[in-house]
Amino acid sequence: MYKIDVVVKNETGLHARPASMFVKEANKFTSEIIVTKGVNEYNAKSILGILTMGAKMGDNITIKAEGEDEREAVDALKSLVESNFGE
């Protein structure tokens, strides 16, 4: 298992378009990917899961993956969040 913490920088948090981009990126990988906010865990490959998380600007989330491409998956999602979803 590989995991990393990241701070949400997007002004609107992980809602609508950013959530869609996050899920699309997560689905490129075969590993199981989970996002943790607080004590709750969410499936990174589920748009409903990511929207339910309600991550806002400044929130700390943990992205963790397990599988053959776990490191690549976590690093790609971290980069996406840190790049402010390309904005």
PDB file of N, CA and C in Angstrom:
ATOM      1  N   MET A   1       0.845  -1.182   0.000  1.00  0.00           N
ATOM      2  CA  MET A   1       0.000   0.000   0.000  1.00  0.00           C
ATOM      3  C   MET A   1       0.886   1.239   0.000  1.00  0.00           C
ATOM      4  N   TYR A   2       0.461   2.215  -0.785  1.00  0.00           N
ATOM      5  CA  TYR A   2       1.172   3.485  -0.888  1.00  0.00           C
ATOM      6  C   TYR A   2       0.166   4.585  -0.609  1.00  0.00           C
ATOM      7  N   LYS A   3       0.547   5.571   0.222  1.00  0.00           N
ATOM      8  CA  LYS A   3      -0.386   6.656   0.523  1.00  0.00           C
ATOM      9  C   LYS A   3       0.366   7.958   0.708  1.00  0.00           C
ATOM     10  N   ILE A   4      -0.378   9.039   0.555  1.00  0.00           N
ATOM     11  CA  ILE A   4       0.200  10.371   0.692  1.00  0.00           C
ATOM     12  C   ILE A   4      -0.900  11.349   1.105  1.00  0.00           C
ATOM     13  N   ASP A   5      -0.521  12.350   1.885  1.00  0.00           N
ATOM     14  CA  ASP A   5      -1.461  13.401   2.283  1.00  0.00           C
ATOM     15  C   ASP A   5      -1.327  14.570   1.323  1.00  0.00           C
ATOM     16  N   VAL A   6      -2.441  15.217   1.068  1.00  0.00           N
ATOM     17  CA  VAL A   6      -2.444  16.386   0.185  1.00  0.00           C
ATOM     18  C   VAL A   6      -3.521  17.356   0.677  1.00  0.00           C
ATOM     19  N   VAL A   7      -3.276  18.646   0.477  1.00  0.00           N
ATOM     20  CA  VAL A   7      -4.227  19.681   0.863  1.00  0.00           C
ATOM     21  C   VAL A   7      -4.976  20.135  -0.385  1.00  0.00           C
ATOM     22  N   VAL A   8      -6.294  20.196  -0.292  1.00  0.00           N
ATOM     23  CA  VAL A   8      -7.130  20.652  -1.408  1.00  0.00           C
ATOM     24  C   VAL A   8      -6.929  22.158  -1.567  1.00  0.00           C
ATOM     25  N   LYS A   9      -6.489  22.580  -2.746  1.00  0.00           N
ATOM     26  CA  LYS A   9      -6.204  23.993  -3.010  1.00  0.00           C
ATOM     27  C   LYS A   9      -7.282  24.664  -3.856  1.00  0.00           C
ATOM     28  N   ASN A  10      -8.118  23.855  -4.498  1.00  0.00           N
ATOM     29  CA  ASN A  10      -9.138  24.387  -5.384  1.00  0.00           C
ATOM     30  C   ASN A  10     -10.160  25.188  -4.596  1.00  0.00           C
ATOM     31  N   GLU A  11     -10.489  26.368  -5.066  1.00  0.00           N
ATOM     32  CA  GLU A  11     -11.407  27.270  -4.371  1.00  0.00           C
ATOM     33  C   GLU A  11     -12.768  26.635  -4.099  1.00  0.00           C
ATOM     34  N   THR A  12     -13.249  25.816  -5.017  1.00  0.00           N
ATOM     35  CA  THR A  12     -14.558  25.175  -4.832  1.00  0.00           C
ATOM     36  C   THR A  12     -14.446  23.781  -4.230  1.00  0.00           C
ATOM     37  N   GLY A  13     -13.226  23.354  -3.886  1.00  0.00           N
ATOM     38  CA  GLY A  13     -13.040  22.023  -3.313  1.00  0.00           C
ATOM     39  C   GLY A  13     -13.199  20.950  -4.374  1.00  0.00           C
ATOM     40  N   LEU A  14     -13.530  19.749  -3.928  1.00  0.00           N
ATOM     41  CA  LEU A  14     -13.711  18.621  -4.856  1.00  0.00           C
ATOM     42  C   LEU A  14     -15.190  18.489  -5.206  1.00  0.00           C
ATOM     43  N   HIS A  15     -15.700  19.452  -5.935  1.00  0.00           N
ATOM     44  CA  HIS A  15     -17.098  19.449  -6.347  1.00  0.00           C
ATOM     45  C   HIS A  15     -17.187  19.496  -7.862  1.00  0.00           C
ATOM     46  N   ALA A  16     -18.239  18.939  -8.406  1.00  0.00           N
ATOM     47  CA  ALA A  16     -18.568  18.949  -9.835  1.00  0.00           C
ATOM     48  C   ALA A  16     -17.373  18.643 -10.742  1.00  0.00           C
ATOM     49  N   ARG A  17     -16.861  19.648 -11.447  1.00  0.00           N
ATOM     50  CA  ARG A  17     -15.810  19.415 -12.437  1.00  0.00           C
ATOM     51  C   ARG A  17     -14.536  18.833 -11.825  1.00  0.00           C
ATOM     52  N   PRO A  18     -14.012  19.394 -10.716  1.00  0.00           N
ATOM     53  CA  PRO A  18     -12.805  18.784 -10.131  1.00  0.00           C
ATOM     54  C   PRO A  18     -13.027  17.337  -9.699  1.00  0.00           C
ATOM     55  N   ALA A  19     -14.184  17.040  -9.140  1.00  0.00           N
ATOM     56  CA  ALA A  19     -14.485  15.663  -8.721  1.00  0.00           C
ATOM     57  C   ALA A  19     -14.518  14.738  -9.929  1.00  0.00           C
ATOM     58  N   SER A  20     -15.104  15.210 -11.008  1.00  0.00           N
ATOM     59  CA  SER A  20     -15.177  14.426 -12.231  1.00  0.00           C
ATOM     60  C   SER A  20     -13.774  14.143 -12.785  1.00  0.00           C
ATOM     61  N   MET A  21     -12.918  15.147 -12.764  1.00  0.00           N
ATOM     62  CA  MET A  21     -11.542  14.978 -13.236  1.00  0.00           C
ATOM     63  C   MET A  21     -10.778  13.995 -12.342  1.00  0.00           C
ATOM     64  N   PHE A  22     -11.010  14.076 -11.034  1.00  0.00           N
ATOM     65  CA  PHE A  22     -10.346  13.199 -10.070  1.00  0.00           C
ATOM     66  C   PHE A  22     -10.737  11.746 -10.329  1.00  0.00           C
ATOM     67  N   VAL A  23     -12.038  11.490 -10.487  1.00  0.00           N
ATOM     68  CA  VAL A  23     -12.540  10.133 -10.718  1.00  0.00           C
ATOM     69  C   VAL A  23     -12.050   9.591 -12.061  1.00  0.00           C
ATOM     70  N   LYS A  24     -12.050  10.446 -13.075  1.00  0.00           N
ATOM     71  CA  LYS A  24     -11.573  10.028 -14.393  1.00  0.00           C
ATOM     72  C   LYS A  24     -10.108   9.599 -14.320  1.00  0.00           C
ATOM     73  N   GLU A  25      -9.298  10.361 -13.597  1.00  0.00           N
ATOM     74  CA  GLU A  25      -7.882  10.025 -13.439  1.00  0.00           C
ATOM     75  C   GLU A  25      -7.724   8.727 -12.645  1.00  0.00           C
ATOM     76  N   ALA A  26      -8.485   8.573 -11.575  1.00  0.00           N
ATOM     77  CA  ALA A  26      -8.401   7.374 -10.729  1.00  0.00           C
ATOM     78  C   ALA A  26      -8.739   6.118 -11.528  1.00  0.00           C
ATOM     79  N   ASN A  27      -9.690   6.234 -12.432  1.00  0.00           N
ATOM     80  CA  ASN A  27     -10.134   5.077 -13.210  1.00  0.00           C
ATOM     81  C   ASN A  27      -9.135   4.642 -14.281  1.00  0.00           C
ATOM     82  N   LYS A  28      -8.067   5.391 -14.456  1.00  0.00           N
ATOM     83  CA  LYS A  28      -7.011   4.995 -15.399  1.00  0.00           C
ATOM     84  C   LYS A  28      -6.133   3.886 -14.817  1.00  0.00           C
ATOM     85  N   PHE A  29      -6.266   3.644 -13.511  1.00  0.00           N
ATOM     86  CA  PHE A  29      -5.383   2.703 -12.827  1.00  0.00           C
ATOM     87  C   PHE A  29      -6.145   1.468 -12.366  1.00  0.00           C
ATOM     88  N   THR A  30      -5.415   0.353 -12.262  1.00  0.00           N
ATOM     89  CA  THR A  30      -6.048  -0.900 -11.841  1.00  0.00           C
ATOM     90  C   THR A  30      -6.089  -1.058 -10.328  1.00  0.00           C
ATOM     91  N   SER A  31      -5.255  -0.323  -9.618  1.00  0.00           N
ATOM     92  CA  SER A  31      -5.201  -0.426  -8.158  1.00  0.00           C
ATOM     93  C   SER A  31      -6.511   0.024  -7.519  1.00  0.00           C
ATOM     94  N   GLU A  32      -6.763  -0.512  -6.329  1.00  0.00           N
ATOM     95  CA  GLU A  32      -7.870  -0.015  -5.522  1.00  0.00           C
ATOM     96  C   GLU A  32      -7.401   1.293  -4.899  1.00  0.00           C
ATOM     97  N   ILE A  33      -8.198   2.356  -5.063  1.00  0.00           N
ATOM     98  CA  ILE A  33      -7.790   3.676  -4.576  1.00  0.00           C
ATOM     99  C   ILE A  33      -8.861   4.203  -3.629  1.00  0.00           C
ATOM    100  N   ILE A  34      -8.410   4.603  -2.447  1.00  0.00           N
ATOM    101  CA  ILE A  34      -9.302   5.115  -1.412  1.00  0.00           C
ATOM    102  C   ILE A  34      -8.830   6.517  -1.028  1.00  0.00           C
ATOM    103  N   VAL A  35      -9.782   7.418  -0.808  1.00  0.00           N
ATOM    104  CA  VAL A  35      -9.473   8.751  -0.309  1.00  0.00           C
ATOM    105  C   VAL A  35     -10.061   8.852   1.095  1.00  0.00           C
ATOM    106  N   THR A  36      -9.252   9.308   2.034  1.00  0.00           N
ATOM    107  CA  THR A  36      -9.692   9.451   3.414  1.00  0.00           C
ATOM    108  C   THR A  36      -9.740  10.928   3.773  1.00  0.00           C
ATOM    109  N   LYS A  37     -10.857  11.329   4.369  1.00  0.00           N
ATOM    110  CA  LYS A  37     -11.000  12.678   4.921  1.00  0.00           C
ATOM    111  C   LYS A  37     -11.534  12.489   6.333  1.00  0.00           C
ATOM    112  N   GLY A  38     -10.740  12.885   7.306  1.00  0.00           N
ATOM    113  CA  GLY A  38     -11.121  12.628   8.688  1.00  0.00           C
ATOM    114  C   GLY A  38     -11.066  11.137   8.954  1.00  0.00           C
ATOM    115  N   VAL A  39     -12.160  10.598   9.476  1.00  0.00           N
ATOM    116  CA  VAL A  39     -12.200   9.150   9.755  1.00  0.00           C
ATOM    117  C   VAL A  39     -12.934   8.379   8.660  1.00  0.00           C
ATOM    118  N   ASN A  40     -13.451   9.078   7.669  1.00  0.00           N
ATOM    119  CA  ASN A  40     -14.242   8.437   6.618  1.00  0.00           C
ATOM    120  C   ASN A  40     -13.407   8.138   5.383  1.00  0.00           C
ATOM    121  N   GLU A  41     -13.718   6.996   4.741  1.00  0.00           N
ATOM    122  CA  GLU A  41     -13.042   6.583   3.519  1.00  0.00           C
ATOM    123  C   GLU A  41     -14.015   6.600   2.346  1.00  0.00           C
ATOM    124  N   TYR A  42     -13.502   6.970   1.169  1.00  0.00           N
ATOM    125  CA  TYR A  42     -14.327   7.087  -0.024  1.00  0.00           C
ATOM    126  C   TYR A  42     -13.618   6.425  -1.199  1.00  0.00           C
ATOM    127  N   ASN A  43     -14.390   5.804  -2.074  1.00  0.00           N
ATOM    128  CA  ASN A  43     -13.864   5.166  -3.269  1.00  0.00           C
ATOM    129  C   ASN A  43     -13.489   6.250  -4.280  1.00  0.00           C
ATOM    130  N   ALA A  44     -12.206   6.327  -4.628  1.00  0.00           N
ATOM    131  CA  ALA A  44     -11.728   7.360  -5.545  1.00  0.00           C
ATOM    132  C   ALA A  44     -12.248   7.174  -6.965  1.00  0.00           C
ATOM    133  N   LYS A  45     -12.776   5.996  -7.275  1.00  0.00           N
ATOM    134  CA  LYS A  45     -13.268   5.731  -8.627  1.00  0.00           C
ATOM    135  C   LYS A  45     -14.772   5.941  -8.745  1.00  0.00           C
ATOM    136  N   SER A  46     -15.390   6.477  -7.692  1.00  0.00           N
ATOM    137  CA  SER A  46     -16.831   6.713  -7.664  1.00  0.00           C
ATOM    138  C   SER A  46     -17.116   8.206  -7.556  1.00  0.00           C
ATOM    139  N   ILE A  47     -17.795   8.770  -8.552  1.00  0.00           N
ATOM    140  CA  ILE A  47     -18.138  10.192  -8.510  1.00  0.00           C
ATOM    141  C   ILE A  47     -19.014  10.488  -7.297  1.00  0.00           C
ATOM    142  N   LEU A  48     -19.931   9.598  -6.983  1.00  0.00           N
ATOM    143  CA  LEU A  48     -20.790   9.802  -5.817  1.00  0.00           C
ATOM    144  C   LEU A  48     -19.964   9.803  -4.532  1.00  0.00           C
ATOM    145  N   GLY A  49     -18.995   8.901  -4.447  1.00  0.00           N
ATOM    146  CA  GLY A  49     -18.132   8.849  -3.274  1.00  0.00           C
ATOM    147  C   GLY A  49     -17.350  10.132  -3.083  1.00  0.00           C
ATOM    148  N   ILE A  50     -16.764  10.631  -4.152  1.00  0.00           N
ATOM    149  CA  ILE A  50     -15.947  11.847  -4.060  1.00  0.00           C
ATOM    150  C   ILE A  50     -16.819  13.060  -3.749  1.00  0.00           C
ATOM    151  N   LEU A  51     -17.984  13.150  -4.350  1.00  0.00           N
ATOM    152  CA  LEU A  51     -18.881  14.268  -4.051  1.00  0.00           C
ATOM    153  C   LEU A  51     -19.387  14.201  -2.608  1.00  0.00           C
ATOM    154  N   THR A  52     -19.671  13.001  -2.130  1.00  0.00           N
ATOM    155  CA  THR A  52     -20.158  12.814  -0.761  1.00  0.00           C
ATOM    156  C   THR A  52     -19.101  13.241   0.257  1.00  0.00           C
ATOM    157  N   MET A  53     -17.838  13.101  -0.101  1.00  0.00           N
ATOM    158  CA  MET A  53     -16.750  13.466   0.797  1.00  0.00           C
ATOM    159  C   MET A  53     -16.835  14.936   1.209  1.00  0.00           C
ATOM    160  N   GLY A  54     -17.257  15.789   0.297  1.00  0.00           N
ATOM    161  CA  GLY A  54     -17.415  17.207   0.608  1.00  0.00           C
ATOM    162  C   GLY A  54     -16.109  17.908   0.947  1.00  0.00           C
ATOM    163  N   ALA A  55     -15.029  17.567   0.275  1.00  0.00           N
ATOM    164  CA  ALA A  55     -13.738  18.200   0.539  1.00  0.00           C
ATOM    165  C   ALA A  55     -13.756  19.647   0.069  1.00  0.00           C
ATOM    166  N   LYS A  56     -13.377  20.544   0.968  1.00  0.00           N
ATOM    167  CA  LYS A  56     -13.344  21.973   0.678  1.00  0.00           C
ATOM    168  C   LYS A  56     -11.907  22.468   0.616  1.00  0.00           C
ATOM    169  N   MET A  57     -11.747  23.672   0.118  1.00  0.00           N
ATOM    170  CA  MET A  57     -10.431  24.283   0.047  1.00  0.00           C
ATOM    171  C   MET A  57      -9.807  24.280   1.440  1.00  0.00           C
ATOM    172  N   GLY A  58      -8.549  23.828   1.522  1.00  0.00           N
ATOM    173  CA  GLY A  58      -7.834  23.783   2.792  1.00  0.00           C
ATOM    174  C   GLY A  58      -7.950  22.469   3.538  1.00  0.00           C
ATOM    175  N   ASP A  59      -8.867  21.591   3.095  1.00  0.00           N
ATOM    176  CA  ASP A  59      -9.016  20.281   3.742  1.00  0.00           C
ATOM    177  C   ASP A  59      -7.823  19.391   3.424  1.00  0.00           C
ATOM    178  N   ASN A  60      -7.414  18.602   4.403  1.00  0.00           N
ATOM    179  CA  ASN A  60      -6.354  17.621   4.214  1.00  0.00           C
ATOM    180  C   ASN A  60      -7.015  16.277   3.897  1.00  0.00           C
ATOM    181  N   ILE A  61      -6.592  15.657   2.805  1.00  0.00           N
ATOM    182  CA  ILE A  61      -7.099  14.339   2.439  1.00  0.00           C
ATOM    183  C   ILE A  61      -5.906  13.395   2.270  1.00  0.00           C
ATOM    184  N   THR A  62      -6.164  12.121   2.448  1.00  0.00           N
ATOM    185  CA  THR A  62      -5.144  11.098   2.228  1.00  0.00           C
ATOM    186  C   THR A  62      -5.571  10.249   1.051  1.00  0.00           C
ATOM    187  N   ILE A  63      -4.693  10.099   0.094  1.00  0.00           N
ATOM    188  CA  ILE A  63      -4.946   9.249  -1.066  1.00  0.00           C
ATOM    189  C   ILE A  63      -4.102   7.995  -0.877  1.00  0.00           C
ATOM    190  N   LYS A  64      -4.761   6.836  -0.875  1.00  0.00           N
ATOM    191  CA  LYS A  64      -3.999   5.591  -0.724  1.00  0.00           C
ATOM    192  C   LYS A  64      -4.466   4.578  -1.761  1.00  0.00           C
ATOM    193  N   ALA A  65      -3.517   3.796  -2.213  1.00  0.00           N
ATOM    194  CA  ALA A  65      -3.817   2.803  -3.243  1.00  0.00           C
ATOM    195  C   ALA A  65      -3.093   1.509  -2.931  1.00  0.00           C
ATOM    196  N   GLU A  66      -3.702   0.430  -3.413  1.00  0.00           N
ATOM    197  CA  GLU A  66      -3.086  -0.879  -3.274  1.00  0.00           C
ATOM    198  C   GLU A  66      -3.270  -1.629  -4.582  1.00  0.00           C
ATOM    199  N   GLY A  67      -2.153  -2.078  -5.141  1.00  0.00           N
ATOM    200  CA  GLY A  67      -2.196  -2.803  -6.398  1.00  0.00           C
ATOM    201  C   GLY A  67      -0.906  -2.609  -7.174  1.00  0.00           C
ATOM    202  N   GLU A  68      -0.879  -3.133  -8.378  1.00  0.00           N
ATOM    203  CA  GLU A  68       0.359  -3.135  -9.157  1.00  0.00           C
ATOM    204  C   GLU A  68       0.815  -1.749  -9.594  1.00  0.00           C
ATOM    205  N   ASP A  69      -0.106  -0.797  -9.727  1.00  0.00           N
ATOM    206  CA  ASP A  69       0.278   0.558 -10.138  1.00  0.00           C
ATOM    207  C   ASP A  69      -0.052   1.588  -9.047  1.00  0.00           C
ATOM    208  N   GLU A  70       0.033   1.156  -7.785  1.00  0.00           N
ATOM    209  CA  GLU A  70      -0.367   2.000  -6.658  1.00  0.00           C
ATOM    210  C   GLU A  70       0.425   3.308  -6.582  1.00  0.00           C
ATOM    211  N   ARG A  71       1.720   3.238  -6.756  1.00  0.00           N
ATOM    212  CA  ARG A  71       2.547   4.459  -6.653  1.00  0.00           C
ATOM    213  C   ARG A  71       2.202   5.455  -7.762  1.00  0.00           C
ATOM    214  N   GLU A  72       2.060   4.962  -8.975  1.00  0.00           N
ATOM    215  CA  GLU A  72       1.715   5.830 -10.102  1.00  0.00           C
ATOM    216  C   GLU A  72       0.336   6.462  -9.896  1.00  0.00           C
ATOM    217  N   ALA A  73      -0.612   5.682  -9.381  1.00  0.00           N
ATOM    218  CA  ALA A  73      -1.971   6.182  -9.167  1.00  0.00           C
ATOM    219  C   ALA A  73      -1.985   7.307  -8.139  1.00  0.00           C
ATOM    220  N   VAL A  74      -1.348   7.071  -7.003  1.00  0.00           N
ATOM    221  CA  VAL A  74      -1.333   8.081  -5.941  1.00  0.00           C
ATOM    222  C   VAL A  74      -0.603   9.338  -6.396  1.00  0.00           C
ATOM    223  N   ASP A  75       0.530   9.161  -7.052  1.00  0.00           N
ATOM    224  CA  ASP A  75       1.297  10.317  -7.519  1.00  0.00           C
ATOM    225  C   ASP A  75       0.529  11.135  -8.552  1.00  0.00           C
ATOM    226  N   ALA A  76      -0.198  10.460  -9.443  1.00  0.00           N
ATOM    227  CA  ALA A  76      -0.980  11.168 -10.463  1.00  0.00           C
ATOM    228  C   ALA A  76      -2.125  11.955  -9.826  1.00  0.00           C
ATOM    229  N   LEU A  77      -2.803  11.360  -8.860  1.00  0.00           N
ATOM    230  CA  LEU A  77      -3.913  12.054  -8.198  1.00  0.00           C
ATOM    231  C   LEU A  77      -3.406  13.205  -7.338  1.00  0.00           C
ATOM    232  N   LYS A  78      -2.280  13.012  -6.686  1.00  0.00           N
ATOM    233  CA  LYS A  78      -1.666  14.090  -5.893  1.00  0.00           C
ATOM    234  C   LYS A  78      -1.320  15.261  -6.811  1.00  0.00           C
ATOM    235  N   SER A  79      -0.711  14.975  -7.947  1.00  0.00           N
ATOM    236  CA  SER A  79      -0.345  16.025  -8.901  1.00  0.00           C
ATOM    237  C   SER A  79      -1.571  16.776  -9.398  1.00  0.00           C
ATOM    238  N   LEU A  80      -2.640  16.042  -9.653  1.00  0.00           N
ATOM    239  CA  LEU A  80      -3.881  16.669 -10.118  1.00  0.00           C
ATOM    240  C   LEU A  80      -4.426  17.637  -9.074  1.00  0.00           C
ATOM    241  N   VAL A  81      -4.470  17.193  -7.823  1.00  0.00           N
ATOM    242  CA  VAL A  81      -4.976  18.061  -6.746  1.00  0.00           C
ATOM    243  C   VAL A  81      -4.063  19.262  -6.550  1.00  0.00           C
ATOM    244  N   GLU A  82      -2.760  19.044  -6.532  1.00  0.00           N
ATOM    245  CA  GLU A  82      -1.807  20.133  -6.317  1.00  0.00           C
ATOM    246  C   GLU A  82      -1.752  21.113  -7.474  1.00  0.00           C
ATOM    247  N   SER A  83      -2.113  20.661  -8.672  1.00  0.00           N
ATOM    248  CA  SER A  83      -2.118  21.555  -9.840  1.00  0.00           C
ATOM    249  C   SER A  83      -3.402  22.379  -9.892  1.00  0.00           C
ATOM    250  N   ASN A  84      -4.247  22.231  -8.872  1.00  0.00           N
ATOM    251  CA  ASN A  84      -5.525  22.936  -8.815  1.00  0.00           C
ATOM    252  C   ASN A  84      -6.405  22.536  -9.992  1.00  0.00           C
ATOM    253  N   PHE A  85      -6.301  21.274 -10.402  1.00  0.00           N
ATOM    254  CA  PHE A  85      -7.117  20.682 -11.468  1.00  0.00           C
ATOM    255  C   PHE A  85      -6.948  21.419 -12.783  1.00  0.00           C
ATOM    256  N   GLY A  86      -5.708  21.858 -13.027  1.00  0.00           N
ATOM    257  CA  GLY A  86      -5.370  22.485 -14.297  1.00  0.00           C
ATOM    258  C   GLY A  86      -5.819  23.921 -14.448  1.00  0.00           C
ATOM    259  N   GLU A  87      -6.257  24.526 -13.385  1.00  0.00           N
ATOM    260  CA  GLU A  87      -6.712  25.923 -13.488  1.00  0.00           C
ATOM    261  C   GLU A  87      -5.559  26.887 -13.348  1.00  0.00           C
TER     262      GLU A  87
END
